[in-house]
C-alpha atoms as a PDB file:
ATOM      1  CA  MET A   1       0.000   0.000   0.000  1.00  0.00           C
ATOM      2  CA  LYS A   2       0.978   3.634  -0.404  1.00  0.00           C
ATOM      3  CA  SER A   3       2.165   5.989   2.296  1.00  0.00           C
ATOM      4  CA  GLY A   4       0.146   9.116   3.072  1.00  0.00           C
ATOM      5  CA  SER A   5       2.387  11.259   0.865  1.00  0.00           C
ATOM      6  CA  CYS A   6       1.556   9.332  -2.294  1.00  0.00           C
ATOM      7  CA  ALA A   7      -1.938   8.014  -1.554  1.00  0.00           C
ATOM      8  CA  VAL A   8      -4.701   9.061  -3.933  1.00  0.00           C
ATOM      9  CA  ARG A   9      -6.353  12.204  -2.567  1.00  0.00           C
ATOM     10  CA  PHE A  10     -10.067  12.813  -2.928  1.00  0.00           C
ATOM     11  CA  VAL A  11     -12.853  15.024  -1.648  1.00  0.00           C
ATOM     12  CA  ILE A  12     -16.613  14.526  -1.596  1.00  0.00           C
ATOM     13  CA  PHE A  13     -18.518  17.737  -2.297  1.00  0.00           C
ATOM     14  CA  ALA A  14     -22.110  17.524  -1.085  1.00  0.00           C
ATOM     15  CA  ALA A  15     -25.059  19.638  -0.059  1.00  0.00           C
ATOM     16  CA  PRO A  16     -26.308  18.778   3.447  1.00  0.00           C
ATOM     17  CA  ARG A  17     -28.483  15.659   3.813  1.00  0.00           C
ATOM     18  CA  THR A  18     -27.503  14.108   0.504  1.00  0.00           C
ATOM     19  CA  GLY A  19     -25.990  10.936   1.951  1.00  0.00           C
ATOM     20  CA  SER A  20     -22.435  12.138   2.532  1.00  0.00           C
ATOM     21  CA  ASN A  21     -22.065  10.384   5.897  1.00  0.00           C
ATOM     22  CA  LEU A  22     -23.257   7.177   4.254  1.00  0.00           C
ATOM     23  CA  LEU A  23     -20.754   7.503   1.416  1.00  0.00           C
ATOM     24  CA  CYS A  24     -17.930   8.338   3.818  1.00  0.00           C
ATOM     25  CA  SER A  25     -18.603   5.322   6.028  1.00  0.00           C
ATOM     26  CA  LEU A  26     -19.039   3.123   2.953  1.00  0.00           C
ATOM     27  CA  LEU A  27     -15.678   4.136   1.495  1.00  0.00           C
ATOM     28  CA  ASN A  28     -13.970   3.926   4.881  1.00  0.00           C
ATOM     29  CA  ALA A  29     -15.156   0.321   5.155  1.00  0.00           C
ATOM     30  CA  HIS A  30     -12.761  -0.528   2.325  1.00  0.00           C
ATOM     31  CA  PRO A  31      -9.450  -1.782   3.755  1.00  0.00           C
ATOM     32  CA  HIS A  32      -7.421   0.380   1.367  1.00  0.00           C
ATOM     33  CA  ILE A  33      -9.277   3.673   1.921  1.00  0.00           C
ATOM     34  CA  LEU A  34      -9.170   6.166   4.773  1.00  0.00           C
ATOM     35  CA  CYS A  35     -12.237   8.379   4.452  1.00  0.00           C
ATOM     36  CA  HIS A  36     -12.801  11.033   7.073  1.00  0.00           C
ATOM     37  CA  HIS A  37     -16.152  12.749   7.513  1.00  0.00           C
ATOM     38  CA  GLY A  38     -16.662  16.518   7.796  1.00  0.00           C
ATOM     39  CA  VAL A  39     -13.196  17.687   8.753  1.00  0.00           C
ATOM     40  CA  PHE A  40     -14.190  21.308   8.012  1.00  0.00           C
ATOM     41  CA  ASN A  41     -17.421  21.144   9.987  1.00  0.00           C
ATOM     42  CA  PRO A  42     -17.730  24.357  12.062  1.00  0.00           C
ATOM     43  CA  GLY A  43     -18.546  22.272  15.137  1.00  0.00           C
ATOM     44  CA  GLY A  44     -15.501  20.038  15.048  1.00  0.00           C
ATOM     45  CA  ILE A  45     -13.026  17.953  13.090  1.00  0.00           C
ATOM     46  CA  HIS A  46     -14.933  14.794  12.224  1.00  0.00           C
ATOM     47  CA  HIS A  47     -12.256  12.248  11.389  1.00  0.00           C
ATOM     48  CA  ALA A  48     -12.962   8.661  10.360  1.00  0.00           C
ATOM     49  CA  ARG A  49     -14.959   7.089  13.174  1.00  0.00           C
ATOM     50  CA  ASP A  50     -12.565   4.186  13.626  1.00  0.00           C
ATOM     51  CA  ARG A  51      -9.497   6.434  13.769  1.00  0.00           C
ATOM     52  CA  SER A  52      -9.711   8.338  17.034  1.00  0.00           C
ATOM     53  CA  ASP A  53      -5.950   7.828  17.259  1.00  0.00           C
ATOM     54  CA  LEU A  54      -5.586  10.570  14.629  1.00  0.00           C
ATOM     55  CA  ALA A  55      -7.325  13.284  16.662  1.00  0.00           C
ATOM     56  CA  ALA A  56      -4.156  14.682  18.222  1.00  0.00           C
ATOM     57  CA  ALA A  57      -2.245  14.695  14.934  1.00  0.00           C
ATOM     58  CA  LEU A  58      -5.021  16.590  13.137  1.00  0.00           C
ATOM     59  CA  GLY A  59      -5.021  19.334  15.762  1.00  0.00           C
ATOM     60  CA  THR A  60      -7.779  21.628  16.959  1.00  0.00           C
ATOM     61  CA  VAL A  61     -10.536  23.593  15.260  1.00  0.00           C
ATOM     62  CA  VAL A  62      -8.718  26.825  16.128  1.00  0.00           C
ATOM     63  CA  GLU A  63      -5.550  25.570  14.434  1.00  0.00           C
ATOM     64  CA  ARG A  64      -7.530  24.338  11.438  1.00  0.00           C
ATOM     65  CA  ASP A  65      -9.318  27.633  10.925  1.00  0.00           C
ATOM     66  CA  ALA A  66      -6.132  29.664  11.392  1.00  0.00           C
ATOM     67  CA  ASP A  67      -4.221  27.700   8.745  1.00  0.00           C
ATOM     68  CA  PRO A  68      -6.473  25.534   6.549  1.00  0.00           C
ATOM     69  CA  LEU A  69      -3.654  24.728   4.105  1.00  0.00           C
ATOM     70  CA  SER A  70      -1.503  23.188   6.825  1.00  0.00           C
ATOM     71  CA  PHE A  71      -4.559  21.347   8.098  1.00  0.00           C
ATOM     72  CA  LEU A  72      -5.209  19.909   4.636  1.00  0.00           C
ATOM     73  CA  GLU A  73      -1.661  18.599   4.544  1.00  0.00           C
ATOM     74  CA  LYS A  74      -2.280  16.872   7.888  1.00  0.00           C
ATOM     75  CA  ILE A  75      -5.350  15.211   6.391  1.00  0.00           C
ATOM     76  CA  TRP A  76      -3.417  13.944   3.384  1.00  0.00           C
ATOM     77  CA  GLN A  77      -0.617  12.682   5.609  1.00  0.00           C
ATOM     78  CA  SER A  78      -3.060  10.873   7.908  1.00  0.00           C
ATOM     79  CA  ALA A  79      -3.114   7.906   5.547  1.00  0.00           C
ATOM     80  CA  GLY A  80      -0.791   5.176   6.705  1.00  0.00           C
ATOM     81  CA  ARG A  81      -0.804   2.169   4.399  1.00  0.00           C
ATOM     82  CA  GLU A  82      -4.104   3.125   2.773  1.00  0.00           C
ATOM     83  CA  ALA A  83      -4.030   3.677  -0.989  1.00  0.00           C
ATOM     84  CA  ALA A  84      -6.504   6.576  -0.883  1.00  0.00           C
ATOM     85  CA  VAL A  85      -7.390   9.263   1.644  1.00  0.00           C
ATOM     86  CA  GLY A  86     -10.214  11.773   1.549  1.00  0.00           C
ATOM     87  CA  PHE A  87     -13.110  13.439   3.306  1.00  0.00           C
ATOM     88  CA  LYS A  88     -16.357  15.272   2.692  1.00  0.00           C
ATOM     89  CA  ILE A  89     -17.060  18.987   2.685  1.00  0.00           C
ATOM     90  CA  ASN A  90     -20.619  20.313   2.714  1.00  0.00           C
ATOM     91  CA  ARG A  91     -22.118  23.405   1.156  1.00  0.00           C
ATOM     92  CA  GLY A  92     -21.316  26.438   3.293  1.00  0.00           C
ATOM     93  CA  GLU A  93     -18.248  24.980   4.988  1.00  0.00           C
ATOM     94  CA  ASP A  94     -14.870  26.756   4.717  1.00  0.00           C
ATOM     95  CA  LEU A  95     -15.141  28.559   1.379  1.00  0.00           C
ATOM     96  CA  PHE A  96     -11.380  29.094   1.156  1.00  0.00           C
ATOM     97  CA  ALA A  97     -10.604  25.397   1.591  1.00  0.00           C
ATOM     98  CA  SER A  98     -13.374  24.470  -0.848  1.00  0.00           C
ATOM     99  CA  ASP A  99     -11.892  26.727  -3.522  1.00  0.00           C
ATOM    100  CA  VAL A 100      -8.376  25.394  -2.939  1.00  0.00           C
ATOM    101  CA  LEU A 101      -9.623  21.829  -3.272  1.00  0.00           C
ATOM    102  CA  LEU A 102     -11.642  22.622  -6.391  1.00  0.00           C
ATOM    103  CA  ARG A 103      -8.649  24.134  -8.156  1.00  0.00           C
ATOM    104  CA  ASP A 104      -6.161  21.430  -7.172  1.00  0.00           C
ATOM    105  CA  PRO A 105      -5.967  18.903 -10.038  1.00  0.00           C
ATOM    106  CA  SER A 106      -4.182  16.393  -7.799  1.00  0.00           C
ATOM    107  CA  VAL A 107      -7.354  15.959  -5.728  1.00  0.00           C
ATOM    108  CA  ARG A 108     -10.060  13.750  -7.238  1.00  0.00           C
ATOM    109  CA  LYS A 109     -13.555  15.163  -6.906  1.00  0.00           C
ATOM    110  CA  ILE A 110     -16.773  13.307  -6.169  1.00  0.00           C
ATOM    111  CA  MET A 111     -19.994  15.291  -6.520  1.00  0.00           C
ATOM    112  CA  LEU A 112     -22.683  13.686  -4.378  1.00  0.00           C
ATOM    113  CA  LYS A 113     -26.251  14.742  -5.079  1.00  0.00           C
ATOM    114  CA  ARG A 114     -29.706  13.626  -4.017  1.00  0.00           C
ATOM    115  CA  ARG A 115     -32.450  13.266  -6.571  1.00  0.00           C
ATOM    116  CA  ASN A 116     -35.236  13.849  -4.083  1.00  0.00           C
ATOM    117  CA  ARG A 117     -34.909  17.515  -3.197  1.00  0.00           C
ATOM    118  CA  VAL A 118     -37.923  17.475  -0.881  1.00  0.00           C
ATOM    119  CA  ARG A 119     -36.436  14.706   1.252  1.00  0.00           C
ATOM    120  CA  ALA A 120     -33.089  16.533   1.385  1.00  0.00           C
ATOM    121  CA  TYR A 121     -34.836  19.659   2.664  1.00  0.00           C
ATOM    122  CA  VAL A 122     -37.000  17.827   5.203  1.00  0.00           C
ATOM    123  CA  SER A 123     -34.012  15.848   6.457  1.00  0.00           C
ATOM    124  CA  GLU A 124     -32.021  19.043   6.967  1.00  0.00           C
ATOM    125  CA  LYS A 125     -34.882  20.747   8.824  1.00  0.00           C
ATOM    126  CA  LEU A 126     -35.362  17.723  11.096  1.00  0.00           C
ATOM    127  CA  ALA A 127     -31.639  17.613  11.858  1.00  0.00           C
ATOM    128  CA  GLN A 128     -31.734  21.296  12.782  1.00  0.00           C
ATOM    129  CA  ILE A 129     -34.723  20.715  15.064  1.00  0.00           C
ATOM    130  CA  THR A 130     -33.399  17.594  16.801  1.00  0.00           C
ATOM    131  CA  GLY A 131     -29.697  18.422  16.723  1.00  0.00           C
ATOM    132  CA  VAL A 132     -28.999  14.909  15.440  1.00  0.00           C
ATOM    133  CA  TRP A 133     -27.198  14.875  12.090  1.00  0.00           C
ATOM    134  CA  GLU A 134     -26.043  11.276  11.936  1.00  0.00           C
ATOM    135  CA  SER A 135     -26.664   7.924  13.566  1.00  0.00           C
ATOM    136  CA  TYR A 136     -24.534   4.801  13.863  1.00  0.00           C
ATOM    137  CA  ASP A 137     -26.743   2.705  16.130  1.00  0.00           C
ATOM    138  CA  PRO A 138     -30.187   1.519  14.969  1.00  0.00           C
ATOM    139  CA  ARG A 139     -31.386   1.850  18.563  1.00  0.00           C
ATOM    140  CA  GLU A 140     -30.711   5.595  18.379  1.00  0.00           C
ATOM    141  CA  VAL A 141     -33.084   6.206  15.461  1.00  0.00           C
ATOM    142  CA  ALA A 142     -36.155   7.608  17.223  1.00  0.00           C
ATOM    143  CA  ASP A 143     -39.403   8.678  15.603  1.00  0.00           C
ATOM    144  CA  PRO A 144     -38.856  12.167  14.166  1.00  0.00           C
ATOM    145  CA  PRO A 145     -41.069  15.141  15.026  1.00  0.00           C
ATOM    146  CA  SER A 146     -43.477  16.578  12.482  1.00  0.00           C
ATOM    147  CA  LEU A 147     -43.045  19.966  10.876  1.00  0.00           C
ATOM    148  CA  GLU A 148     -44.772  22.276   8.442  1.00  0.00           C
ATOM    149  CA  VAL A 149     -42.913  22.918   5.207  1.00  0.00           C
ATOM    150  CA  ASP A 150     -43.092  26.297   3.504  1.00  0.00           C
ATOM    151  CA  ALA A 151     -43.218  25.790  -0.260  1.00  0.00           C
ATOM    152  CA  ARG A 152     -41.203  28.909  -1.034  1.00  0.00           C
ATOM    153  CA  ALA A 153     -38.491  28.029   1.471  1.00  0.00           C
ATOM    154  CA  LEU A 154     -38.295  24.555  -0.046  1.00  0.00           C
ATOM    155  CA  GLN A 155     -37.933  25.984  -3.548  1.00  0.00           C
ATOM    156  CA  ARG A 156     -35.187  28.359  -2.417  1.00  0.00           C
ATOM    157  CA  HIS A 157     -33.364  25.468  -0.792  1.00  0.00           C
ATOM    158  CA  ALA A 158     -33.514  23.391  -3.972  1.00  0.00           C
ATOM    159  CA  HIS A 159     -32.340  26.385  -6.027  1.00  0.00           C
ATOM    160  CA  ASN A 160     -29.406  27.075  -3.698  1.00  0.00           C
ATOM    161  CA  ASN A 161     -28.289  23.455  -3.843  1.00  0.00           C
ATOM    162  CA  ALA A 162     -28.486  23.430  -7.643  1.00  0.00           C
ATOM    163  CA  LEU A 163     -26.495  26.666  -7.788  1.00  0.00           C
ATOM    164  CA  TYR A 164     -23.876  25.228  -5.419  1.00  0.00           C
ATOM    165  CA  TYR A 165     -23.189  22.293  -7.727  1.00  0.00           C
ATOM    166  CA  ALA A 166     -23.358  24.390 -10.898  1.00  0.00           C
ATOM    167  CA  GLN A 167     -20.761  26.840  -9.593  1.00  0.00           C
ATOM    168  CA  MET A 168     -18.354  24.049  -8.678  1.00  0.00           C
ATOM    169  CA  GLU A 169     -18.814  22.305 -11.997  1.00  0.00           C
ATOM    170  CA  SER A 170     -18.149  25.608 -13.762  1.00  0.00           C
ATOM    171  CA  VAL A 171     -14.811  25.961 -11.957  1.00  0.00           C
ATOM    172  CA  LEU A 172     -13.829  22.378 -12.745  1.00  0.00           C
ATOM    173  CA  THR A 173     -14.741  22.789 -16.408  1.00  0.00           C
ATOM    174  CA  ALA A 174     -12.858  26.081 -16.673  1.00  0.00           C
ATOM    175  CA  THR A 175      -9.742  24.508 -15.153  1.00  0.00           C
ATOM    176  CA  GLY A 176      -9.904  21.416 -17.367  1.00  0.00           C
ATOM    177  CA  GLN A 177     -10.628  18.922 -14.608  1.00  0.00           C
ATOM    178  CA  ASP A 178     -12.929  15.945 -14.562  1.00  0.00           C
ATOM    179  CA  TRP A 179     -15.041  14.695 -11.675  1.00  0.00           C
ATOM    180  CA  LEU A 180     -17.333  11.847 -10.769  1.00  0.00           C
ATOM    181  CA  GLU A 181     -20.989  12.530 -10.068  1.00  0.00           C
ATOM    182  CA  THR A 182     -23.066  10.109  -8.047  1.00  0.00           C
ATOM    183  CA  GLN A 183     -26.356  10.187  -6.191  1.00  0.00           C
ATOM    184  CA  TYR A 184     -27.544   9.094  -2.784  1.00  0.00           C
ATOM    185  CA  GLU A 185     -30.208   6.954  -4.400  1.00  0.00           C
ATOM    186  CA  LEU A 186     -27.528   4.929  -6.230  1.00  0.00           C
ATOM    187  CA  LEU A 187     -25.334   4.054  -3.261  1.00  0.00           C
ATOM    188  CA  GLY A 188     -27.208   0.811  -2.644  1.00  0.00           C
ATOM    189  CA  ASP A 189     -26.154  -0.441  -6.094  1.00  0.00           C
ATOM    190  CA  TRP A 190     -22.933  -2.446  -6.044  1.00  0.00           C
ATOM    191  CA  ALA A 191     -22.199  -1.455  -9.648  1.00  0.00           C
ATOM    192  CA  GLU A 192     -22.270   2.215  -8.623  1.00  0.00           C
ATOM    193  CA  VAL A 193     -20.003   1.582  -5.646  1.00  0.00           C
ATOM    194  CA  THR A 194     -17.599  -0.248  -7.955  1.00  0.00           C
ATOM    195  CA  ARG A 195     -17.635   2.748 -10.315  1.00  0.00           C
ATOM    196  CA  ILE A 196     -16.739   5.107  -7.466  1.00  0.00           C
ATOM    197  CA  LEU A 197     -13.916   2.843  -6.323  1.00  0.00           C
ATOM    198  CA  ALA A 198     -12.578   2.613  -9.879  1.00  0.00           C
ATOM    199  CA  TYR A 199     -12.510   6.407 -10.094  1.00  0.00           C
ATOM    200  CA  LEU A 200     -10.307   6.394  -6.998  1.00  0.00           C
ATOM    201  CA  GLY A 201      -8.100   3.694  -8.499  1.00  0.00           C
ATOM    202  CA  ILE A 202      -9.190   1.162  -5.886  1.00  0.00           C
ATOM    203  CA  GLU A 203     -10.110  -2.449  -6.557  1.00  0.00           C
ATOM    204  CA  ALA A 204     -13.625  -3.384  -5.473  1.00  0.00           C
ATOM    205  CA  VAL A 205     -13.807  -5.537  -2.352  1.00  0.00           C
ATOM    206  CA  ALA A 206     -17.074  -6.881  -0.960  1.00  0.00           C
ATOM    207  CA  PRO A 207     -18.821  -6.830   1.350  1.00  0.00           C
ATOM    208  CA  LEU A 208     -18.536  -3.192   2.373  1.00  0.00           C
ATOM    209  CA  THR A 209     -20.622  -2.444   5.424  1.00  0.00           C
ATOM    210  CA  PRO A 210     -21.279   1.237   6.162  1.00  0.00           C
ATOM    211  CA  THR A 211     -21.597   2.149   9.822  1.00  0.00           C
ATOM    212  CA  CYS A 212     -23.925   5.086   9.183  1.00  0.00           C
ATOM    213  CA  ARG A 213     -27.630   4.355   9.584  1.00  0.00           C
ATOM    214  CA  LYS A 214     -30.522   5.909   7.703  1.00  0.00           C
ATOM    215  CA  ARG A 215     -32.549   8.471   9.680  1.00  0.00           C
ATOM    216  CA  GLY A 216     -35.227   9.476   7.166  1.00  0.00           C
ATOM    217  CA  VAL A 217     -38.734   8.023   7.125  1.00  0.00           C
ATOM    218  CA  ASP A 218     -40.230   6.227   4.136  1.00  0.00           C
ATOM    219  CA  ASP A 219     -43.562   8.056   4.394  1.00  0.00           C
ATOM    220  CA  LEU A 220     -43.202  11.843   4.232  1.00  0.00           C
ATOM    221  CA  GLY A 221     -46.762  12.115   5.515  1.00  0.00           C
ATOM    222  CA  LYS A 222     -45.447  11.085   8.935  1.00  0.00           C
ATOM    223  CA  VAL A 223     -43.219  14.152   9.222  1.00  0.00           C
ATOM    224  CA  ILE A 224     -44.765  16.825   6.963  1.00  0.00           C
ATOM    225  CA  ALA A 225     -47.839  18.059   8.827  1.00  0.00           C
ATOM    226  CA  ASN A 226     -49.132  20.050   5.851  1.00  0.00           C
ATOM    227  CA  LEU A 227     -48.378  17.503   3.138  1.00  0.00           C
ATOM    228  CA  PRO A 228     -51.659  17.944   1.175  1.00  0.00           C
ATOM    229  CA  GLU A 229     -51.275  21.728   1.099  1.00  0.00           C
ATOM    230  CA  LEU A 230     -47.600  21.478   0.164  1.00  0.00           C
ATOM    231  CA  SER A 231     -48.373  19.033  -2.609  1.00  0.00           C
ATOM    232  CA  GLU A 232     -50.950  21.396  -4.070  1.00  0.00           C
ATOM    233  CA  ALA A 233     -48.605  24.392  -3.825  1.00  0.00           C
ATOM    234  CA  LEU A 234     -45.931  22.509  -5.756  1.00  0.00           C
ATOM    235  CA  ARG A 235     -48.238  20.886  -8.295  1.00  0.00           C
ATOM    236  CA  ASP A 236     -46.906  22.850 -11.272  1.00  0.00           C
ATOM    237  CA  THR A 237     -43.250  22.784 -10.228  1.00  0.00           C
ATOM    238  CA  PRO A 238     -40.415  20.264 -10.745  1.00  0.00           C
ATOM    239  CA  LEU A 239     -40.573  19.456  -7.020  1.00  0.00           C
ATOM    240  CA  PHE A 240     -44.041  17.935  -7.213  1.00  0.00           C
ATOM    241  CA  GLN A 241     -42.769  14.500  -8.208  1.00  0.00           C
ATOM    242  CA  ASP A 242     -40.293  14.498  -5.313  1.00  0.00           C
ATOM    243  CA  ILE A 243     -43.082  14.694  -2.732  1.00  0.00           C
ATOM    244  CA  HIS A 244     -44.485  11.378  -3.858  1.00  0.00           C
ATOM    245  CA  GLY A 245     -41.180   9.684  -4.709  1.00  0.00           C
ATOM    246  CA  ARG A 246     -40.174   6.663  -2.658  1.00  0.00           C
ATOM    247  CA  ASP A 247     -37.054   6.735  -0.522  1.00  0.00           C
ATOM    248  CA  VAL A 248     -34.260   4.187  -0.651  1.00  0.00           C
ATOM    249  CA  PRO A 249     -33.944   1.524   2.069  1.00  0.00           C
ATOM    250  CA  ASP A 250     -31.232   1.469   4.711  1.00  0.00           C
ATOM    251  CA  ILE A 251     -27.985   0.017   3.387  1.00  0.00           C
ATOM    252  CA  HIS A 252     -26.426  -2.604   5.636  1.00  0.00           C
ATOM    253  CA  SER A 253     -23.809  -4.163   3.379  1.00  0.00           C
ATOM    254  CA  HIS A 254     -22.758  -4.490  -0.221  1.00  0.00           C
ATOM    255  CA  GLN A 255     -22.421  -7.821  -1.945  1.00  0.00           C
ATOM    256  CA  PRO A 256     -21.454  -8.138  -5.601  1.00  0.00           C
ATOM    257  CA  VAL A 257     -24.177  -9.418  -7.894  1.00  0.00           C
ATOM    258  CA  ARG A 258     -23.211 -12.830  -9.217  1.00  0.00           C
END
């Protein structure tokens, strides 16, 4: 395996609640990949969950924010014998670091999106209400509260997410870089996981068992108190189909299709 200095470097760009914790834990389950979570999260440095031994080496939030370039180098050097090392960065997190990463051709880019924009919005609102953004124990997944969704706020959210991706893709195109785009709804497909691994130059190994657990509900009617009114308000918009679209099941492990 490679040392941290020559391991493949990658970053997952994602809007909030698009499955980035799932993808991080899925990639980190591969024996040749070290995938941290939100290392530029304002609330803390979220390293790979099985690598608490790296906390001291990565430093503090104050140190990270004072010198993000030095912090990035610590992230890249955190790989030991892994062949690839990376992390996720969400919309709105450290704009300077995001721009540096975007313009660095040595860093491979994964754009993670979520087809269902309504579910992404509802998931983000519920996380803000409950303060719970991720879960790794099925016993911790409690019934979520209900909320009323404002149609205009939902549309603005979808627009801002679309703009976020479009701006990044514009930079990558202008600088002659390629990237891999994937979607939350595809992460349960072994062929898609294999495609992501191939982009990172990593041989597919199964099973891969993500530690992150799904928090969203299958029936939006259980959490959106004004679902009929919202559906009517969005009837003539592209978001209408998302309200009635089915969600994907929880992903426990990946086995190749024989």
